Amino acid sequence: MGSTGLWVTQDDHVRQELLPEGRYVEARGTTEQAYTGSHTIAGTHIDYVDDSGFTADGDFVDGVLHHAGMRLRRAEDRSAGGS
């Protein structure tokens, strides 16, 4: 399974779309484009470079994206009992 697609926190407050061309768009609450930038994925690790210059990273573990203290699941996986 690829890592692109929409990843969301359980409460839908953070919604992060990982685009196949190496870009991302992160929404927070009612702000649809709170953060935008590029991402690179190597194995189970993801590195982010925001358009404003800051960097972040995360890891995919058992179908969950762990990023900045958050746990995000694929939006389509939540209906199958994900938390």
N, C-alpha and C. Protein backbone atom coordinates (compact mmCIF):
# COMPACT_ATOMS: atom_id res chain seq x y z
N MET A 1 0.85 -1.17 0.00
CA MET A 1 0.00 0.00 0.00
C MET A 1 0.89 1.24 0.00
N GLY A 2 0.60 2.17 -0.91
CA GLY A 2 1.35 3.42 -0.96
C GLY A 2 0.97 4.34 0.18
N SER A 3 1.74 5.38 0.35
CA SER A 3 1.51 6.30 1.46
C SER A 3 0.79 7.56 1.03
N THR A 4 0.57 7.76 -0.28
CA THR A 4 -0.13 8.96 -0.71
C THR A 4 -1.61 8.84 -0.35
N GLY A 5 -2.27 9.97 -0.31
CA GLY A 5 -3.69 10.01 0.02
C GLY A 5 -3.94 10.90 1.22
N LEU A 6 -5.16 10.86 1.72
CA LEU A 6 -5.57 11.71 2.84
C LEU A 6 -5.39 10.98 4.16
N TRP A 7 -4.67 11.61 5.08
CA TRP A 7 -4.41 11.09 6.42
C TRP A 7 -5.06 12.05 7.40
N VAL A 8 -5.74 11.53 8.41
CA VAL A 8 -6.49 12.38 9.33
C VAL A 8 -6.32 11.91 10.77
N THR A 9 -6.42 12.87 11.70
CA THR A 9 -6.47 12.51 13.12
C THR A 9 -7.86 11.99 13.43
N GLN A 10 -8.01 11.32 14.54
CA GLN A 10 -9.28 10.70 14.90
C GLN A 10 -10.41 11.73 14.95
N ASP A 11 -10.10 12.94 15.41
CA ASP A 11 -11.13 13.98 15.52
C ASP A 11 -11.27 14.83 14.25
N ASP A 12 -10.56 14.49 13.20
CA ASP A 12 -10.58 15.21 11.92
C ASP A 12 -10.03 16.63 12.01
N HIS A 13 -9.43 17.01 13.11
CA HIS A 13 -8.90 18.37 13.23
C HIS A 13 -7.74 18.59 12.27
N VAL A 14 -6.86 17.59 12.16
CA VAL A 14 -5.73 17.67 11.23
C VAL A 14 -5.99 16.71 10.08
N ARG A 15 -5.91 17.26 8.87
CA ARG A 15 -6.11 16.48 7.66
C ARG A 15 -4.94 16.76 6.73
N GLN A 16 -4.18 15.74 6.47
CA GLN A 16 -2.95 15.91 5.69
C GLN A 16 -3.04 15.08 4.42
N GLU A 17 -3.00 15.77 3.28
CA GLU A 17 -3.05 15.07 2.01
C GLU A 17 -1.64 14.98 1.45
N LEU A 18 -1.17 13.74 1.29
CA LEU A 18 0.14 13.49 0.69
C LEU A 18 -0.09 13.21 -0.78
N LEU A 19 0.39 14.11 -1.61
CA LEU A 19 0.16 14.04 -3.05
C LEU A 19 1.26 13.22 -3.73
N PRO A 20 0.92 12.52 -4.82
CA PRO A 20 1.89 11.63 -5.46
C PRO A 20 3.10 12.36 -6.05
N GLU A 21 2.98 13.63 -6.36
CA GLU A 21 4.12 14.36 -6.93
C GLU A 21 5.08 14.89 -5.88
N GLY A 22 4.90 14.46 -4.61
CA GLY A 22 5.83 14.86 -3.56
C GLY A 22 5.46 16.14 -2.84
N ARG A 23 4.23 16.58 -2.97
CA ARG A 23 3.74 17.75 -2.26
C ARG A 23 2.77 17.30 -1.17
N TYR A 24 2.50 18.19 -0.21
CA TYR A 24 1.46 17.92 0.78
C TYR A 24 0.69 19.19 1.07
N VAL A 25 -0.54 19.02 1.51
CA VAL A 25 -1.39 20.11 1.96
C VAL A 25 -1.97 19.66 3.29
N GLU A 26 -1.78 20.47 4.32
CA GLU A 26 -2.30 20.12 5.64
C GLU A 26 -3.35 21.13 6.07
N ALA A 27 -4.52 20.62 6.43
CA ALA A 27 -5.60 21.45 6.96
C ALA A 27 -5.65 21.26 8.47
N ARG A 28 -5.98 22.35 9.16
CA ARG A 28 -6.14 22.31 10.62
C ARG A 28 -7.43 23.01 10.97
N GLY A 29 -8.36 22.27 11.53
CA GLY A 29 -9.66 22.86 11.87
C GLY A 29 -10.33 23.39 10.63
N THR A 30 -10.68 24.66 10.63
CA THR A 30 -11.36 25.26 9.48
C THR A 30 -10.38 25.89 8.48
N THR A 31 -9.10 25.83 8.77
CA THR A 31 -8.09 26.39 7.86
C THR A 31 -7.66 25.29 6.89
N GLU A 32 -8.11 25.39 5.64
CA GLU A 32 -7.89 24.32 4.68
C GLU A 32 -6.45 24.18 4.22
N GLN A 33 -5.69 25.25 4.13
CA GLN A 33 -4.30 25.16 3.72
C GLN A 33 -3.40 25.79 4.77
N ALA A 34 -3.44 25.21 5.97
CA ALA A 34 -2.64 25.73 7.08
C ALA A 34 -1.15 25.59 6.77
N TYR A 35 -0.78 24.47 6.15
CA TYR A 35 0.61 24.21 5.78
C TYR A 35 0.64 23.55 4.42
N THR A 36 1.62 23.96 3.62
CA THR A 36 1.86 23.32 2.32
C THR A 36 3.36 23.16 2.15
N GLY A 37 3.77 22.16 1.41
CA GLY A 37 5.19 21.98 1.18
C GLY A 37 5.45 20.69 0.42
N SER A 38 6.67 20.21 0.56
CA SER A 38 7.06 18.98 -0.12
C SER A 38 7.34 17.89 0.91
N HIS A 39 7.26 16.66 0.43
CA HIS A 39 7.59 15.52 1.29
C HIS A 39 8.37 14.50 0.49
N THR A 40 9.20 13.75 1.21
CA THR A 40 9.90 12.61 0.61
C THR A 40 9.71 11.43 1.56
N ILE A 41 9.48 10.28 0.97
CA ILE A 41 9.27 9.06 1.74
C ILE A 41 10.35 8.07 1.38
N ALA A 42 11.01 7.55 2.41
CA ALA A 42 12.03 6.51 2.24
C ALA A 42 11.67 5.38 3.18
N GLY A 43 11.19 4.28 2.61
CA GLY A 43 10.74 3.16 3.45
C GLY A 43 9.54 3.56 4.26
N THR A 44 9.68 3.55 5.59
CA THR A 44 8.57 3.91 6.47
C THR A 44 8.74 5.30 7.07
N HIS A 45 9.73 6.05 6.60
CA HIS A 45 10.01 7.39 7.15
C HIS A 45 9.59 8.47 6.15
N ILE A 46 9.04 9.56 6.67
CA ILE A 46 8.65 10.70 5.83
C ILE A 46 9.34 11.95 6.36
N ASP A 47 9.88 12.75 5.44
CA ASP A 47 10.45 14.05 5.77
C ASP A 47 9.63 15.12 5.07
N TYR A 48 9.36 16.21 5.78
CA TYR A 48 8.59 17.32 5.26
C TYR A 48 9.47 18.56 5.21
N VAL A 49 9.28 19.38 4.17
CA VAL A 49 9.85 20.72 4.11
C VAL A 49 8.70 21.65 3.75
N ASP A 50 8.28 22.46 4.72
CA ASP A 50 7.18 23.38 4.53
C ASP A 50 7.62 24.51 3.60
N ASP A 51 6.67 25.08 2.86
CA ASP A 51 6.99 26.18 1.95
C ASP A 51 7.58 27.38 2.67
N SER A 52 7.32 27.51 3.97
CA SER A 52 7.90 28.62 4.74
C SER A 52 9.31 28.31 5.24
N GLY A 53 9.77 27.05 5.06
CA GLY A 53 11.14 26.70 5.38
C GLY A 53 11.34 25.75 6.55
N PHE A 54 10.33 25.55 7.40
CA PHE A 54 10.59 24.64 8.52
C PHE A 54 10.49 23.19 8.06
N THR A 55 11.12 22.33 8.84
CA THR A 55 11.15 20.91 8.49
C THR A 55 10.51 20.08 9.61
N ALA A 56 10.04 18.91 9.25
CA ALA A 56 9.45 17.97 10.20
C ALA A 56 9.62 16.58 9.63
N ASP A 57 9.30 15.59 10.44
CA ASP A 57 9.38 14.22 9.94
C ASP A 57 8.35 13.36 10.64
N GLY A 58 8.27 12.12 10.22
CA GLY A 58 7.34 11.18 10.82
C GLY A 58 7.65 9.78 10.36
N ASP A 59 6.88 8.83 10.85
CA ASP A 59 7.07 7.42 10.51
C ASP A 59 5.71 6.73 10.35
N PHE A 60 5.66 5.82 9.41
CA PHE A 60 4.49 4.99 9.21
C PHE A 60 4.70 3.69 9.97
N VAL A 61 3.81 3.40 10.91
CA VAL A 61 3.92 2.19 11.74
C VAL A 61 2.56 1.50 11.74
N ASP A 62 2.51 0.31 11.19
CA ASP A 62 1.28 -0.48 11.16
C ASP A 62 0.08 0.31 10.64
N GLY A 63 0.27 1.02 9.54
CA GLY A 63 -0.83 1.75 8.92
C GLY A 63 -1.19 3.06 9.57
N VAL A 64 -0.37 3.52 10.51
CA VAL A 64 -0.61 4.79 11.20
C VAL A 64 0.59 5.71 10.94
N LEU A 65 0.31 6.96 10.57
CA LEU A 65 1.35 7.96 10.38
C LEU A 65 1.56 8.68 11.71
N HIS A 66 2.74 8.54 12.28
CA HIS A 66 3.12 9.21 13.52
C HIS A 66 3.91 10.46 13.12
N HIS A 67 3.35 11.63 13.42
CA HIS A 67 3.95 12.88 12.98
C HIS A 67 3.65 13.97 14.01
N ALA A 68 4.69 14.60 14.53
CA ALA A 68 4.57 15.74 15.46
C ALA A 68 3.66 15.43 16.65
N GLY A 69 3.79 14.24 17.20
CA GLY A 69 3.00 13.86 18.36
C GLY A 69 1.57 13.44 18.03
N MET A 70 1.25 13.38 16.75
CA MET A 70 -0.10 12.99 16.32
C MET A 70 -0.07 11.60 15.70
N ARG A 71 -1.23 10.99 15.68
CA ARG A 71 -1.43 9.71 14.99
C ARG A 71 -2.50 9.94 13.93
N LEU A 72 -2.11 9.76 12.69
CA LEU A 72 -3.04 9.97 11.58
C LEU A 72 -3.26 8.64 10.86
N ARG A 73 -4.50 8.42 10.47
CA ARG A 73 -4.85 7.22 9.71
C ARG A 73 -5.39 7.66 8.36
N ARG A 74 -5.27 6.76 7.38
CA ARG A 74 -5.88 7.04 6.08
C ARG A 74 -7.36 7.29 6.29
N ALA A 75 -7.89 8.27 5.63
CA ALA A 75 -9.31 8.62 5.80
C ALA A 75 -10.20 7.42 5.50
N GLU A 76 -9.90 6.66 4.47
CA GLU A 76 -10.75 5.53 4.10
C GLU A 76 -10.61 4.35 5.07
N ASP A 77 -9.54 4.30 5.87
CA ASP A 77 -9.34 3.20 6.81
C ASP A 77 -10.14 3.38 8.10
N ARG A 78 -10.58 4.58 8.42
CA ARG A 78 -11.26 4.82 9.68
C ARG A 78 -12.60 4.09 9.76
N SER A 79 -13.26 3.90 8.63
CA SER A 79 -14.56 3.23 8.64
C SER A 79 -14.42 1.74 8.97
N ALA A 80 -13.19 1.22 8.89
CA ALA A 80 -12.96 -0.19 9.18
C ALA A 80 -12.54 -0.40 10.63
N GLY A 81 -12.88 0.54 11.51
CA GLY A 81 -12.61 0.37 12.93
C GLY A 81 -11.32 1.01 13.40
N GLY A 82 -10.67 1.83 12.56
CA GLY A 82 -9.45 2.49 12.97
C GLY A 82 -9.72 3.55 14.01
N SER A 83 -8.69 3.88 14.83
CA SER A 83 -8.87 4.94 15.83
C SER A 83 -7.89 6.05 15.64
